[in-house]
């Protein structure tokens, strides 16, 4: 493994778990009232663009990483819409 692959994989792992604590907190508290829908929209746009870019260049780690992040952000949107107070 070269240094580029190491940093790519490490960055992918960190990116993939970035939103996991937030998803867990929302699930446990059943509250997403403090989440901004505008921020969630831009997060979806961001990871969708990276996912598309990864697909266009055939970069599987980039696609997997952004696919996982997209799933977590979509879960937060679902929780935001479901757990209304």
N, C-alpha and C. Protein backbone atom coordinates (compact mmCIF):
# COMPACT_ATOMS: atom_id res chain seq x y z
N UNK A 1 0.86 -1.18 0.00
CA UNK A 1 0.00 0.00 0.00
C UNK A 1 0.90 1.24 0.00
N UNK A 2 0.63 2.12 -0.93
CA UNK A 2 1.40 3.36 -0.97
C UNK A 2 0.74 4.43 -0.09
N UNK A 3 1.44 5.52 0.08
CA UNK A 3 0.97 6.59 0.97
C UNK A 3 -0.35 7.20 0.48
N UNK A 4 -0.53 7.29 -0.83
CA UNK A 4 -1.78 7.84 -1.37
C UNK A 4 -2.96 6.95 -1.00
N UNK A 5 -2.80 5.66 -1.18
CA UNK A 5 -3.88 4.74 -0.82
C UNK A 5 -4.18 4.78 0.67
N UNK A 6 -3.13 4.85 1.48
CA UNK A 6 -3.31 4.92 2.92
C UNK A 6 -4.18 6.12 3.31
N UNK A 7 -3.82 7.31 2.79
CA UNK A 7 -4.58 8.51 3.13
C UNK A 7 -5.97 8.48 2.52
N UNK A 8 -6.11 7.89 1.35
CA UNK A 8 -7.44 7.76 0.75
C UNK A 8 -8.35 6.87 1.57
N UNK A 9 -7.83 5.74 2.00
CA UNK A 9 -8.62 4.82 2.81
C UNK A 9 -8.92 5.42 4.18
N UNK A 10 -7.91 6.05 4.80
CA UNK A 10 -8.13 6.68 6.11
C UNK A 10 -9.17 7.79 6.02
N UNK A 11 -9.08 8.62 4.99
CA UNK A 11 -10.07 9.68 4.80
C UNK A 11 -11.45 9.13 4.56
N UNK A 12 -11.53 8.04 3.81
CA UNK A 12 -12.82 7.40 3.54
C UNK A 12 -13.46 6.86 4.81
N UNK A 13 -12.64 6.25 5.66
CA UNK A 13 -13.17 5.72 6.92
C UNK A 13 -13.69 6.85 7.80
N UNK A 14 -12.90 7.91 7.93
CA UNK A 14 -13.33 9.06 8.75
C UNK A 14 -14.59 9.69 8.18
N UNK A 15 -14.63 9.88 6.86
CA UNK A 15 -15.83 10.45 6.23
C UNK A 15 -17.05 9.58 6.47
N UNK A 16 -16.86 8.28 6.41
CA UNK A 16 -17.98 7.36 6.55
C UNK A 16 -18.60 7.38 7.94
N UNK A 17 -17.79 7.64 8.96
CA UNK A 17 -18.33 7.62 10.32
C UNK A 17 -18.62 9.02 10.87
N UNK A 18 -18.40 10.04 10.07
CA UNK A 18 -18.58 11.42 10.53
C UNK A 18 -19.96 11.67 11.13
N UNK A 19 -20.99 11.20 10.46
CA UNK A 19 -22.35 11.51 10.89
C UNK A 19 -22.97 10.42 11.75
N UNK A 20 -22.25 9.33 11.96
CA UNK A 20 -22.80 8.24 12.76
C UNK A 20 -23.19 8.66 14.18
N UNK A 21 -22.36 9.43 14.90
CA UNK A 21 -22.80 9.86 16.24
C UNK A 21 -24.09 10.68 16.21
N UNK A 22 -24.26 11.52 15.19
CA UNK A 22 -25.48 12.33 15.09
C UNK A 22 -26.69 11.45 14.82
N UNK A 23 -26.53 10.49 13.93
CA UNK A 23 -27.63 9.57 13.62
C UNK A 23 -28.04 8.80 14.87
N UNK A 24 -27.06 8.31 15.62
CA UNK A 24 -27.35 7.56 16.85
C UNK A 24 -28.05 8.45 17.87
N UNK A 25 -27.58 9.68 18.02
CA UNK A 25 -28.20 10.61 18.98
C UNK A 25 -29.65 10.89 18.61
N UNK A 26 -29.89 11.15 17.34
CA UNK A 26 -31.26 11.42 16.90
C UNK A 26 -32.15 10.20 17.16
N UNK A 27 -31.63 9.02 16.85
CA UNK A 27 -32.40 7.79 17.06
C UNK A 27 -32.75 7.61 18.53
N UNK A 28 -31.77 7.83 19.41
CA UNK A 28 -31.99 7.63 20.85
C UNK A 28 -32.94 8.66 21.44
N UNK A 29 -32.78 9.93 21.04
CA UNK A 29 -33.59 11.00 21.63
C UNK A 29 -34.92 11.18 20.91
N UNK A 30 -35.03 10.61 19.73
CA UNK A 30 -36.22 10.78 18.88
C UNK A 30 -36.50 12.27 18.63
N UNK A 31 -35.41 13.04 18.50
CA UNK A 31 -35.54 14.47 18.26
C UNK A 31 -34.48 14.93 17.26
N UNK A 32 -34.93 15.61 16.22
CA UNK A 32 -34.03 16.19 15.23
C UNK A 32 -34.36 17.66 15.01
N UNK A 33 -34.97 18.26 16.03
CA UNK A 33 -35.46 19.63 15.87
C UNK A 33 -34.36 20.64 15.63
N UNK A 34 -33.14 20.36 16.09
CA UNK A 34 -32.04 21.32 15.93
C UNK A 34 -31.30 21.17 14.60
N UNK A 35 -31.66 20.18 13.80
CA UNK A 35 -31.01 20.02 12.51
C UNK A 35 -31.61 20.98 11.49
N UNK A 36 -30.76 21.58 10.71
CA UNK A 36 -31.19 22.49 9.66
C UNK A 36 -31.45 21.72 8.38
N UNK A 37 -32.63 21.87 7.81
CA UNK A 37 -32.94 21.21 6.54
C UNK A 37 -32.08 21.77 5.41
N UNK A 38 -31.72 23.03 5.48
CA UNK A 38 -30.85 23.63 4.46
C UNK A 38 -29.48 22.95 4.50
N UNK A 39 -28.94 22.76 5.69
CA UNK A 39 -27.66 22.07 5.82
C UNK A 39 -27.76 20.65 5.30
N UNK A 40 -28.82 19.95 5.65
CA UNK A 40 -29.00 18.58 5.18
C UNK A 40 -29.11 18.54 3.65
N UNK A 41 -29.79 19.52 3.08
CA UNK A 41 -29.90 19.59 1.62
C UNK A 41 -28.52 19.72 0.98
N UNK A 42 -27.70 20.62 1.52
CA UNK A 42 -26.37 20.81 0.96
C UNK A 42 -25.47 19.59 1.19
N UNK A 43 -25.65 18.90 2.30
CA UNK A 43 -24.90 17.67 2.52
C UNK A 43 -25.29 16.61 1.49
N UNK A 44 -26.57 16.50 1.21
CA UNK A 44 -27.03 15.54 0.20
C UNK A 44 -26.46 15.90 -1.16
N UNK A 45 -26.50 17.18 -1.50
CA UNK A 45 -25.95 17.63 -2.77
C UNK A 45 -24.45 17.33 -2.85
N UNK A 46 -23.74 17.64 -1.77
CA UNK A 46 -22.30 17.43 -1.72
C UNK A 46 -21.93 15.96 -1.95
N UNK A 47 -22.50 15.07 -1.14
CA UNK A 47 -22.12 13.66 -1.26
C UNK A 47 -22.64 13.04 -2.56
N UNK A 48 -23.76 13.54 -3.07
CA UNK A 48 -24.26 13.05 -4.36
C UNK A 48 -23.29 13.40 -5.49
N UNK A 49 -22.77 14.62 -5.45
CA UNK A 49 -21.80 15.03 -6.46
C UNK A 49 -20.51 14.20 -6.37
N UNK A 50 -20.03 13.97 -5.14
CA UNK A 50 -18.83 13.16 -4.96
C UNK A 50 -19.08 11.71 -5.39
N UNK A 51 -20.26 11.20 -5.08
CA UNK A 51 -20.61 9.85 -5.48
C UNK A 51 -20.64 9.73 -7.00
N UNK A 52 -21.23 10.70 -7.65
CA UNK A 52 -21.28 10.72 -9.12
C UNK A 52 -19.88 10.82 -9.70
N UNK A 53 -19.06 11.69 -9.13
CA UNK A 53 -17.68 11.83 -9.59
C UNK A 53 -16.94 10.50 -9.45
N UNK A 54 -17.09 9.85 -8.30
CA UNK A 54 -16.45 8.56 -8.10
C UNK A 54 -16.90 7.53 -9.12
N UNK A 55 -18.19 7.54 -9.45
CA UNK A 55 -18.71 6.61 -10.45
C UNK A 55 -18.14 6.93 -11.84
N UNK A 56 -18.04 8.20 -12.16
CA UNK A 56 -17.53 8.60 -13.48
C UNK A 56 -16.07 8.23 -13.68
N UNK A 57 -15.28 8.29 -12.62
CA UNK A 57 -13.86 7.94 -12.75
C UNK A 57 -13.58 6.50 -12.33
N UNK A 58 -14.61 5.79 -11.89
CA UNK A 58 -14.46 4.40 -11.52
C UNK A 58 -13.69 4.18 -10.24
N UNK A 59 -13.85 5.08 -9.27
CA UNK A 59 -13.14 4.98 -8.00
C UNK A 59 -14.07 4.37 -6.96
N UNK A 60 -13.90 3.07 -6.73
CA UNK A 60 -14.79 2.34 -5.83
C UNK A 60 -14.74 2.86 -4.39
N UNK A 61 -13.56 3.12 -3.81
CA UNK A 61 -13.55 3.66 -2.44
C UNK A 61 -14.31 4.98 -2.32
N UNK A 62 -14.19 5.84 -3.32
CA UNK A 62 -14.91 7.12 -3.31
C UNK A 62 -16.42 6.88 -3.37
N UNK A 63 -16.83 5.93 -4.17
CA UNK A 63 -18.25 5.63 -4.29
C UNK A 63 -18.79 5.01 -2.99
N UNK A 64 -18.05 4.09 -2.42
CA UNK A 64 -18.49 3.44 -1.18
C UNK A 64 -18.59 4.45 -0.05
N UNK A 65 -17.55 5.25 0.12
CA UNK A 65 -17.52 6.26 1.18
C UNK A 65 -18.71 7.20 1.08
N UNK A 66 -18.92 7.76 -0.10
CA UNK A 66 -19.99 8.73 -0.26
C UNK A 66 -21.36 8.08 -0.27
N UNK A 67 -21.44 6.83 -0.67
CA UNK A 67 -22.70 6.09 -0.56
C UNK A 67 -23.12 5.91 0.89
N UNK A 68 -22.14 5.58 1.75
CA UNK A 68 -22.42 5.42 3.18
C UNK A 68 -22.83 6.74 3.81
N UNK A 69 -22.09 7.80 3.48
CA UNK A 69 -22.42 9.13 4.03
C UNK A 69 -23.80 9.57 3.54
N UNK A 70 -24.10 9.34 2.27
CA UNK A 70 -25.41 9.71 1.74
C UNK A 70 -26.52 8.96 2.48
N UNK A 71 -26.31 7.69 2.76
CA UNK A 71 -27.32 6.92 3.50
C UNK A 71 -27.55 7.51 4.89
N UNK A 72 -26.48 7.91 5.56
CA UNK A 72 -26.63 8.48 6.91
C UNK A 72 -27.34 9.84 6.86
N UNK A 73 -27.00 10.66 5.88
CA UNK A 73 -27.65 11.97 5.78
C UNK A 73 -29.13 11.79 5.44
N UNK A 74 -29.44 10.83 4.57
CA UNK A 74 -30.85 10.57 4.25
C UNK A 74 -31.59 10.05 5.48
N UNK A 75 -30.91 9.26 6.33
CA UNK A 75 -31.54 8.83 7.59
C UNK A 75 -31.85 10.03 8.47
N UNK A 76 -30.93 11.00 8.52
CA UNK A 76 -31.18 12.20 9.33
C UNK A 76 -32.36 12.98 8.79
N UNK A 77 -32.49 13.08 7.47
CA UNK A 77 -33.65 13.76 6.87
C UNK A 77 -34.92 13.00 7.24
N UNK A 78 -34.89 11.69 7.14
CA UNK A 78 -36.05 10.88 7.51
C UNK A 78 -36.42 11.12 8.97
N UNK A 79 -35.42 11.10 9.86
CA UNK A 79 -35.67 11.35 11.27
C UNK A 79 -36.22 12.75 11.49
N UNK A 80 -35.68 13.72 10.77
CA UNK A 80 -36.14 15.11 10.91
C UNK A 80 -37.62 15.21 10.56
N UNK A 81 -38.03 14.50 9.51
CA UNK A 81 -39.43 14.55 9.09
C UNK A 81 -40.33 13.67 9.96
N UNK A 82 -39.78 12.63 10.53
CA UNK A 82 -40.57 11.66 11.31
C UNK A 82 -40.73 12.07 12.77
N UNK A 83 -39.65 12.54 13.39
CA UNK A 83 -39.65 12.83 14.82
C UNK A 83 -40.04 14.27 15.11
N UNK A 84 -41.11 14.74 14.49
CA UNK A 84 -41.56 16.12 14.76
C UNK A 84 -42.16 16.19 16.14
N UNK A 85 -41.81 17.25 16.86
CA UNK A 85 -42.31 17.41 18.23
C UNK A 85 -43.66 18.09 18.22
